[in-house]
Amino acid sequence: MTMHLPVRHLMLLVFTVFISPTFASGGSLDIKGLILDRTITLDGHSFYKKFSAHWLATNLSQPHNLIVTEKPSARWGNLIIISSQGQMLYRTSIRPGKQLKKNKVYEAAITVSQNIVNRLIVKNTSQDIAPTGY
């Protein structure tokens, strides 16, 4: 029986995950730096592709998972929401059929990065509020 090289690598990866100390002790595997696409329309997919390409090119040192969500709205166009750990970091609307401007993608990346840094500063310096908010 001959196995192709990619299948061997996949089997090795699966084996490594199952014997890792984190998995064996019942802990969860945390993967950092993911950007999930939860967009619906072609315009939303286009925004996600441009945003993720720009984000990965400029923010390799920030290992945060992001979710790009799209909510179609008849009044505002398509609402794009970028969130991390259940907190909204950026929100904008894009008009269906209109050309997506690059400055909107750059603005989103800068705003998300600033909000992540601000959230970390508040988390590390504030001792008044517990993580639950009470």
Protein backbone atom coordinates (compact mmCIF):
# COMPACT_ATOMS: atom_id res chain seq x y z
CA MET A 1 0.00 0.00 0.00
CA THR A 2 1.50 3.30 -1.08
CA MET A 3 0.62 6.52 0.72
CA HIS A 4 1.08 9.90 -0.80
CA LEU A 5 3.20 12.41 1.04
CA PRO A 6 0.35 14.83 1.96
CA VAL A 7 -1.64 12.01 3.59
CA ARG A 8 1.37 11.08 5.71
CA HIS A 9 1.73 14.67 6.82
CA LEU A 10 -1.95 14.83 7.70
CA MET A 11 -1.72 11.63 9.72
CA LEU A 12 1.36 12.95 11.51
CA LEU A 13 -0.46 16.18 12.35
CA VAL A 14 -3.49 14.32 13.72
CA PHE A 15 -1.25 12.00 15.74
CA THR A 16 0.70 14.97 17.14
CA VAL A 17 -2.51 16.70 18.21
CA PHE A 18 -3.83 13.63 20.01
CA ILE A 19 -0.64 13.00 21.95
CA SER A 20 -0.02 16.64 22.85
CA PRO A 21 -0.09 17.43 26.58
CA THR A 22 -2.87 20.00 26.14
CA PHE A 23 -5.19 17.54 24.45
CA ALA A 24 -4.29 14.69 26.81
CA SER A 25 -5.00 16.79 29.91
CA GLY A 26 -8.47 17.71 28.65
CA GLY A 27 -7.55 21.30 27.79
CA SER A 28 -8.69 23.06 24.68
CA LEU A 29 -6.55 23.71 21.66
CA ASP A 30 -6.25 27.44 21.12
CA ILE A 31 -5.46 28.56 17.61
CA LYS A 32 -4.60 32.23 17.40
CA GLY A 33 -4.70 34.55 14.42
CA LEU A 34 -7.77 33.19 12.62
CA ILE A 35 -10.05 35.45 10.63
CA LEU A 36 -13.44 33.81 10.11
CA ASP A 37 -15.63 34.72 7.15
CA ARG A 38 -19.31 34.95 8.08
CA THR A 39 -20.29 37.13 5.14
CA ILE A 40 -23.17 36.34 2.80
CA THR A 41 -23.02 38.44 -0.35
CA LEU A 42 -20.34 38.94 -2.99
CA ASP A 43 -19.70 42.44 -1.65
CA GLY A 44 -19.21 40.99 1.84
CA HIS A 45 -16.84 38.32 0.55
CA SER A 46 -14.89 41.01 -1.32
CA PHE A 47 -14.58 43.07 1.88
CA TYR A 48 -13.44 39.99 3.82
CA LYS A 49 -10.79 39.07 1.24
CA LYS A 50 -9.36 42.59 1.11
CA PHE A 51 -9.52 43.06 4.88
CA SER A 52 -7.90 39.71 5.69
CA ALA A 53 -5.12 40.25 3.14
CA HIS A 54 -4.37 43.69 4.59
CA TRP A 55 -4.66 42.47 8.19
CA LEU A 56 -2.32 39.54 7.69
CA ALA A 57 0.19 41.73 5.87
CA THR A 58 0.34 44.34 8.63
CA ASN A 59 -0.64 42.66 11.93
CA LEU A 60 1.30 39.44 12.20
CA SER A 61 2.26 40.15 15.80
CA GLN A 62 -1.33 40.31 17.06
CA PRO A 63 -2.54 36.76 17.61
CA HIS A 64 -6.24 37.54 17.91
CA ASN A 65 -9.10 35.66 16.32
CA LEU A 66 -11.46 37.89 14.37
CA ILE A 67 -14.93 37.26 12.96
CA VAL A 68 -16.13 39.26 9.96
CA THR A 69 -19.94 39.11 9.94
CA GLU A 70 -22.35 40.56 7.40
CA LYS A 71 -25.96 41.45 8.06
CA PRO A 72 -28.01 42.54 5.06
CA SER A 73 -30.15 45.58 5.79
CA ALA A 74 -32.64 47.19 3.43
CA ARG A 75 -32.12 50.58 5.02
CA TRP A 76 -28.35 50.75 5.52
CA GLY A 77 -27.01 48.38 2.88
CA ASN A 78 -24.95 45.46 4.12
CA LEU A 79 -23.68 45.91 7.66
CA ILE A 80 -20.16 44.57 8.17
CA ILE A 81 -19.20 43.85 11.77
CA ILE A 82 -15.73 42.78 12.88
CA SER A 83 -15.63 41.28 16.36
CA SER A 84 -13.28 39.42 18.65
CA GLN A 85 -14.18 37.46 21.77
CA GLY A 86 -17.79 38.59 21.52
CA GLN A 87 -16.96 42.31 21.41
CA MET A 88 -17.59 44.47 18.38
CA LEU A 89 -14.40 46.16 17.20
CA TYR A 90 -15.58 47.77 13.95
CA ARG A 91 -18.86 48.37 12.16
CA THR A 92 -19.55 49.83 8.75
CA SER A 93 -22.05 49.56 5.94
CA ILE A 94 -21.34 48.85 2.29
CA ARG A 95 -23.78 49.58 -0.50
CA PRO A 96 -24.65 46.64 -2.74
CA GLY A 97 -23.25 46.97 -6.24
CA LYS A 98 -21.00 49.93 -5.46
CA GLN A 99 -17.23 49.66 -5.77
CA LEU A 100 -15.59 48.90 -2.42
CA LYS A 101 -13.01 51.57 -1.65
CA LYS A 102 -9.62 50.49 -0.34
CA ASN A 103 -9.59 53.24 2.26
CA LYS A 104 -12.59 51.58 3.94
CA VAL A 105 -10.56 48.37 4.31
CA TYR A 106 -7.53 50.28 5.63
CA GLU A 107 -9.78 52.18 8.04
CA ALA A 108 -11.23 48.90 9.27
CA ALA A 109 -7.79 47.36 9.88
CA ILE A 110 -6.52 50.44 11.73
CA THR A 111 -9.67 50.73 13.86
CA VAL A 112 -9.67 47.03 14.76
CA SER A 113 -5.99 47.18 15.71
CA GLN A 114 -6.52 50.28 17.86
CA ASN A 115 -9.56 48.76 19.59
CA ILE A 116 -7.64 45.57 20.39
CA VAL A 117 -4.78 47.58 21.91
CA ASN A 118 -7.21 49.77 23.88
CA ARG A 119 -9.02 46.69 25.18
CA LEU A 120 -5.72 45.16 26.33
CA ILE A 121 -4.68 48.37 28.07
CA VAL A 122 -7.98 48.61 29.93
CA LYS A 123 -7.85 44.93 30.83
CA ASN A 124 -4.32 45.18 32.22
CA THR A 125 -4.67 48.48 34.07
CA SER A 126 -8.21 48.44 35.40
CA GLN A 127 -8.69 46.62 38.68
CA ASP A 128 -12.04 48.18 39.52
CA ILE A 129 -14.14 45.98 37.31
CA ALA A 130 -13.97 42.23 37.35
CA PRO A 131 -13.87 40.43 33.99
CA THR A 132 -17.61 39.83 34.31
CA GLY A 133 -18.32 43.55 34.62
CA TYR A 134 -19.59 43.44 38.21
